[in-house]
C-alpha atoms as a PDB file:
ATOM      1  CA  MET A   1     -53.170 -45.099  86.958  1.00  0.00           C
ATOM      2  CA  LYS A   2     -50.300 -47.110  86.630  1.00  0.00           C
ATOM      3  CA  ALA A   3     -52.161 -50.284  85.804  1.00  0.00           C
ATOM      4  CA  SER A   4     -53.976 -48.383  83.057  1.00  0.00           C
ATOM      5  CA  GLU A   5     -50.848 -47.487  81.546  1.00  0.00           C
ATOM      6  CA  VAL A   6     -49.528 -50.773  81.319  1.00  0.00           C
ATOM      7  CA  LEU A   7     -52.719 -51.959  79.652  1.00  0.00           C
ATOM      8  CA  GLY A   8     -52.523 -48.941  77.074  1.00  0.00           C
ATOM      9  CA  VAL A   9     -55.686 -47.110  78.444  1.00  0.00           C
ATOM     10  CA  SER A  10     -54.985 -43.532  77.443  1.00  0.00           C
ATOM     11  CA  GLU A  11     -57.991 -41.868  79.035  1.00  0.00           C
ATOM     12  CA  PRO A  12     -59.094 -44.152  82.050  1.00  0.00           C
ATOM     13  CA  VAL A  13     -62.119 -42.892  84.028  1.00  0.00           C
ATOM     14  CA  VAL A  14     -61.451 -43.155  87.887  1.00  0.00           C
ATOM     15  CA  LEU A  15     -64.164 -42.498  90.244  1.00  0.00           C
ATOM     16  CA  GLU A  16     -62.229 -41.844  93.469  1.00  0.00           C
ATOM     17  CA  GLU A  17     -64.507 -43.335  95.914  1.00  0.00           C
ATOM     18  CA  ARG A  18     -63.093 -44.054  99.437  1.00  0.00           C
ATOM     19  CA  GLU A  19     -66.046 -45.994 100.165  1.00  0.00           C
ATOM     20  CA  VAL A  20     -68.763 -47.066  97.606  1.00  0.00           C
ATOM     21  CA  VAL A  21     -72.086 -45.792  98.678  1.00  0.00           C
ATOM     22  CA  LEU A  22     -75.076 -46.581  96.494  1.00  0.00           C
ATOM     23  CA  GLY A  23     -76.802 -43.510  95.670  1.00  0.00           C
ATOM     24  CA  ILE A  24     -78.075 -41.051  93.083  1.00  0.00           C
ATOM     25  CA  SER A  25     -74.759 -39.257  93.086  1.00  0.00           C
ATOM     26  CA  LEU A  26     -72.679 -42.172  92.140  1.00  0.00           C
ATOM     27  CA  ILE A  27     -75.157 -43.451  89.757  1.00  0.00           C
ATOM     28  CA  ARG A  28     -75.384 -40.253  87.953  1.00  0.00           C
ATOM     29  CA  ARG A  29     -71.594 -39.903  87.579  1.00  0.00           C
ATOM     30  CA  ILE A  30     -71.590 -43.390  86.163  1.00  0.00           C
ATOM     31  CA  SER A  31     -74.446 -42.574  83.703  1.00  0.00           C
ATOM     32  CA  ASP A  32     -72.751 -39.373  82.785  1.00  0.00           C
ATOM     33  CA  THR A  33     -69.661 -41.205  81.887  1.00  0.00           C
ATOM     34  CA  ILE A  34     -71.668 -43.808  79.837  1.00  0.00           C
ATOM     35  CA  VAL A  35     -73.314 -40.896  77.923  1.00  0.00           C
ATOM     36  CA  ASP A  36     -70.007 -39.190  77.375  1.00  0.00           C
ATOM     37  CA  ARG A  37     -67.980 -42.171  76.403  1.00  0.00           C
ATOM     38  CA  ARG A  38     -70.856 -44.046  74.456  1.00  0.00           C
ATOM     39  CA  PRO A  39     -69.458 -47.526  74.924  1.00  0.00           C
ATOM     40  CA  ARG A  40     -71.420 -50.498  73.144  1.00  0.00           C
ATOM     41  CA  VAL A  41     -70.260 -52.838  75.967  1.00  0.00           C
ATOM     42  CA  VAL A  42     -69.910 -52.248  79.664  1.00  0.00           C
ATOM     43  CA  VAL A  43     -68.231 -54.757  82.030  1.00  0.00           C
ATOM     44  CA  THR A  44     -68.694 -54.651  85.779  1.00  0.00           C
ATOM     45  CA  HIS A  45     -68.893 -56.941  88.890  1.00  0.00           C
ATOM     46  CA  LEU A  46     -70.929 -59.936  89.558  1.00  0.00           C
ATOM     47  CA  PRO A  47     -73.939 -59.228  91.640  1.00  0.00           C
ATOM     48  CA  PHE A  48     -72.856 -62.503  93.474  1.00  0.00           C
ATOM     49  CA  ASP A  49     -69.357 -61.406  94.338  1.00  0.00           C
ATOM     50  CA  TYR A  50     -68.416 -61.979  97.798  1.00  0.00           C
ATOM     51  CA  HIS A  51     -67.189 -58.216  98.147  1.00  0.00           C
ATOM     52  CA  ARG A  52     -69.848 -55.985  99.417  1.00  0.00           C
ATOM     53  CA  GLU A  53     -68.616 -53.031  97.473  1.00  0.00           C
ATOM     54  CA  HIS A  54     -68.378 -55.044  94.236  1.00  0.00           C
ATOM     55  CA  LYS A  55     -72.067 -55.793  94.689  1.00  0.00           C
ATOM     56  CA  LEU A  56     -72.895 -52.227  95.211  1.00  0.00           C
ATOM     57  CA  VAL A  57     -70.786 -51.227  92.042  1.00  0.00           C
ATOM     58  CA  TYR A  58     -72.869 -53.819  89.914  1.00  0.00           C
ATOM     59  CA  GLU A  59     -76.193 -52.082  91.281  1.00  0.00           C
ATOM     60  CA  ALA A  60     -74.887 -48.715  90.459  1.00  0.00           C
ATOM     61  CA  VAL A  61     -73.709 -49.742  87.038  1.00  0.00           C
ATOM     62  CA  LYS A  62     -77.054 -51.427  86.117  1.00  0.00           C
ATOM     63  CA  GLU A  63     -78.798 -48.396  87.296  1.00  0.00           C
ATOM     64  CA  ALA A  64     -76.704 -46.071  85.289  1.00  0.00           C
ATOM     65  CA  ILE A  65     -76.917 -47.911  82.073  1.00  0.00           C
ATOM     66  CA  GLU A  66     -80.689 -47.538  82.370  1.00  0.00           C
ATOM     67  CA  TRP A  67     -80.540 -43.739  83.334  1.00  0.00           C
ATOM     68  CA  SER A  68     -78.077 -43.181  80.456  1.00  0.00           C
ATOM     69  CA  ALA A  69     -80.653 -44.385  77.808  1.00  0.00           C
ATOM     70  CA  HIS A  70     -83.427 -41.857  79.229  1.00  0.00           C
ATOM     71  CA  THR A  71     -84.454 -39.241  77.032  1.00  0.00           C
ATOM     72  CA  THR A  72     -85.640 -37.236  79.975  1.00  0.00           C
ATOM     73  CA  ALA A  73     -82.312 -37.260  81.541  1.00  0.00           C
ATOM     74  CA  TYR A  74     -80.093 -36.391  78.815  1.00  0.00           C
ATOM     75  CA  SER A  75     -80.425 -34.631  75.528  1.00  0.00           C
ATOM     76  CA  GLU A  76     -78.429 -37.052  73.732  1.00  0.00           C
ATOM     77  CA  PRO A  77     -78.979 -40.381  75.601  1.00  0.00           C
ATOM     78  CA  TRP A  78     -76.942 -43.544  75.082  1.00  0.00           C
ATOM     79  CA  LEU A  79     -78.172 -47.043  74.946  1.00  0.00           C
ATOM     80  CA  VAL A  80     -75.604 -49.540  75.893  1.00  0.00           C
ATOM     81  CA  ASP A  81     -75.728 -52.779  73.632  1.00  0.00           C
ATOM     82  CA  ARG A  82     -74.368 -55.272  76.101  1.00  0.00           C
ATOM     83  CA  LEU A  83     -73.440 -55.830  79.822  1.00  0.00           C
ATOM     84  CA  LEU A  84     -70.824 -58.249  80.683  1.00  0.00           C
ATOM     85  CA  LEU A  85     -70.094 -59.385  84.352  1.00  0.00           C
ATOM     86  CA  MET A  86     -66.644 -60.304  85.121  1.00  0.00           C
ATOM     87  CA  GLU A  87     -64.914 -62.655  87.633  1.00  0.00           C
ATOM     88  CA  VAL A  88     -62.486 -61.021  90.149  1.00  0.00           C
ATOM     89  CA  ASN A  89     -62.227 -63.745  93.034  1.00  0.00           C
ATOM     90  CA  THR A  90     -65.755 -65.266  92.733  1.00  0.00           C
ATOM     91  CA  LEU A  91     -65.800 -67.714  89.995  1.00  0.00           C
ATOM     92  CA  ILE A  92     -68.759 -67.630  87.514  1.00  0.00           C
ATOM     93  CA  PRO A  93     -70.372 -71.501  87.551  1.00  0.00           C
ATOM     94  CA  SER A  94     -71.475 -71.384  84.039  1.00  0.00           C
ATOM     95  CA  PRO A  95     -69.754 -68.747  81.944  1.00  0.00           C
ATOM     96  CA  HIS A  96     -71.637 -67.413  78.860  1.00  0.00           C
ATOM     97  CA  ILE A  97     -68.530 -66.093  77.173  1.00  0.00           C
ATOM     98  CA  PHE A  98     -64.940 -66.757  76.992  1.00  0.00           C
ATOM     99  CA  VAL A  99     -62.317 -64.131  75.736  1.00  0.00           C
ATOM    100  CA  ASP A 100     -58.818 -65.579  74.776  1.00  0.00           C
ATOM    101  CA  VAL A 101     -56.423 -63.254  76.541  1.00  0.00           C
ATOM    102  CA  THR A 102     -53.313 -65.389  75.600  1.00  0.00           C
ATOM    103  CA  GLU A 103     -51.594 -62.414  73.688  1.00  0.00           C
ATOM    104  CA  SER A 104     -52.198 -59.905  76.382  1.00  0.00           C
ATOM    105  CA  PHE A 105     -52.010 -61.976  79.571  1.00  0.00           C
ATOM    106  CA  ASP A 106     -48.235 -60.847  80.286  1.00  0.00           C
ATOM    107  CA  ARG A 107     -49.563 -57.134  80.258  1.00  0.00           C
ATOM    108  CA  LYS A 108     -52.394 -58.421  82.623  1.00  0.00           C
ATOM    109  CA  LYS A 109     -49.941 -59.931  84.976  1.00  0.00           C
ATOM    110  CA  GLU A 110     -47.900 -56.662  85.078  1.00  0.00           C
ATOM    111  CA  ALA A 111     -51.024 -54.630  85.525  1.00  0.00           C
ATOM    112  CA  LEU A 112     -51.916 -56.771  88.583  1.00  0.00           C
ATOM    113  CA  GLY A 113     -48.455 -56.045  89.895  1.00  0.00           C
ATOM    114  CA  CYS A 114     -49.349 -52.261  90.018  1.00  0.00           C
ATOM    115  CA  TYR A 115     -51.910 -52.945  92.859  1.00  0.00           C
ATOM    116  CA  THR A 116     -49.438 -53.236  95.720  1.00  0.00           C
ATOM    117  CA  SER A 117     -51.851 -52.436  98.503  1.00  0.00           C
ATOM    118  CA  GLN A 118     -53.855 -55.286  97.366  1.00  0.00           C
ATOM    119  CA  LEU A 119     -51.031 -57.773  96.758  1.00  0.00           C
ATOM    120  CA  ALA A 120     -49.804 -56.936 100.327  1.00  0.00           C
ATOM    121  CA  LYS A 121     -52.712 -58.554 101.916  1.00  0.00           C
ATOM    122  CA  PHE A 122     -51.714 -62.011 101.198  1.00  0.00           C
ATOM    123  CA  SER A 123     -47.841 -62.375 101.197  1.00  0.00           C
ATOM    124  CA  TRP A 124     -48.157 -65.893  99.861  1.00  0.00           C
ATOM    125  CA  GLY A 125     -49.090 -64.627  96.370  1.00  0.00           C
ATOM    126  CA  TYR A 126     -52.779 -65.222  96.395  1.00  0.00           C
ATOM    127  CA  TYR A 127     -53.836 -62.700  93.743  1.00  0.00           C
ATOM    128  CA  GLU A 128     -51.024 -63.741  91.384  1.00  0.00           C
ATOM    129  CA  LYS A 129     -51.692 -67.419  91.767  1.00  0.00           C
ATOM    130  CA  PHE A 130     -55.397 -67.210  91.532  1.00  0.00           C
ATOM    131  CA  SER A 131     -55.241 -65.005  88.534  1.00  0.00           C
ATOM    132  CA  MET A 132     -52.861 -67.299  86.739  1.00  0.00           C
ATOM    133  CA  LYS A 133     -54.878 -70.571  87.688  1.00  0.00           C
ATOM    134  CA  LYS A 134     -58.221 -68.966  86.741  1.00  0.00           C
ATOM    135  CA  ALA A 135     -56.858 -67.798  83.362  1.00  0.00           C
ATOM    136  CA  GLU A 136     -55.448 -71.498  82.800  1.00  0.00           C
ATOM    137  CA  LEU A 137     -58.886 -72.899  83.841  1.00  0.00           C
ATOM    138  CA  ARG A 138     -60.754 -70.698  81.481  1.00  0.00           C
ATOM    139  CA  GLY A 139     -58.051 -71.253  78.862  1.00  0.00           C
ATOM    140  CA  ALA A 140     -58.604 -74.988  78.980  1.00  0.00           C
ATOM    141  CA  GLN A 141     -62.370 -74.249  78.641  1.00  0.00           C
ATOM    142  CA  ALA A 142     -62.167 -71.977  75.529  1.00  0.00           C
ATOM    143  CA  ASP A 143     -59.399 -74.158  73.949  1.00  0.00           C
ATOM    144  CA  CYS A 144     -56.558 -71.619  74.262  1.00  0.00           C
ATOM    145  CA  ARG A 145     -53.729 -71.044  76.672  1.00  0.00           C
ATOM    146  CA  TYR A 146     -55.268 -67.990  78.874  1.00  0.00           C
ATOM    147  CA  ALA A 147     -58.908 -66.912  78.800  1.00  0.00           C
ATOM    148  CA  GLU A 148     -61.429 -64.734  80.911  1.00  0.00           C
ATOM    149  CA  ALA A 149     -64.986 -65.651  81.637  1.00  0.00           C
ATOM    150  CA  PHE A 150     -68.139 -63.543  81.564  1.00  0.00           C
ATOM    151  CA  LEU A 151     -71.685 -63.748  81.946  1.00  0.00           C
ATOM    152  CA  GLU A 152     -73.844 -61.632  79.711  1.00  0.00           C
ATOM    153  CA  GLU A 153     -76.808 -60.034  81.416  1.00  0.00           C
ATOM    154  CA  SER A 154     -79.660 -58.883  79.259  1.00  0.00           C
ATOM    155  CA  LEU A 155     -80.604 -55.379  79.384  1.00  0.00           C
ATOM    156  CA  THR A 156     -84.149 -54.651  79.903  1.00  0.00           C
ATOM    157  CA  ARG A 157     -85.876 -51.801  78.183  1.00  0.00           C
ATOM    158  CA  ASN A 158     -88.838 -51.384  80.234  1.00  0.00           C
ATOM    159  CA  SER A 159     -89.496 -47.703  80.341  1.00  0.00           C
ATOM    160  CA  SER A 160     -91.309 -45.502  77.848  1.00  0.00           C
ATOM    161  CA  PHE A 161     -88.307 -43.026  77.929  1.00  0.00           C
ATOM    162  CA  TYR A 162     -86.218 -45.309  75.510  1.00  0.00           C
ATOM    163  CA  GLU A 163     -86.231 -44.296  71.915  1.00  0.00           C
ATOM    164  CA  THR A 164     -86.359 -48.034  71.035  1.00  0.00           C
ATOM    165  CA  LYS A 165     -89.939 -48.259  72.541  1.00  0.00           C
ATOM    166  CA  LYS A 166     -91.315 -45.262  70.384  1.00  0.00           C
ATOM    167  CA  THR A 167     -93.700 -46.059  67.581  1.00  0.00           C
ATOM    168  CA  SER A 168     -91.339 -44.127  65.362  1.00  0.00           C
ATOM    169  CA  SER A 169     -88.631 -46.605  65.619  1.00  0.00           C
ATOM    170  CA  LEU A 170     -91.097 -49.245  63.855  1.00  0.00           C
ATOM    171  CA  LEU A 171     -90.981 -47.092  60.755  1.00  0.00           C
END
């Protein structure tokens, strides 16, 4: 919550999971949040992240994005336009998108400092150093001081439950 305040997020959604368990309960809470908040873009973890729970979050978010668009699950479904996958500690080999974060980088560093339990794991400053070097590397690639890198994953719309697949959407 403190990091959200630093970043200016006025209404963060926090799913207080002591342990991430991939199941319908988690997927439904995420899809309910998507339908409620109606984001055009969703950002989540990489499917090849080293952390087991990050991979599970990716799976849950992917499934939730699909369910949020189902006309059989929601009276007012929501179709997310874009899914971006972010770097945490696993680097993306060939990013699709770079976002210049130069102007907000000091706030990002301050927000990172709010995660005292994580920072305490590495007394030599691993997270702070890695975050800085990664931002500098991505900035060099994006021709700016600091940047973040993302993969964009295409969202399939394979189900007949999507409004966009109905014949009426062609008219």
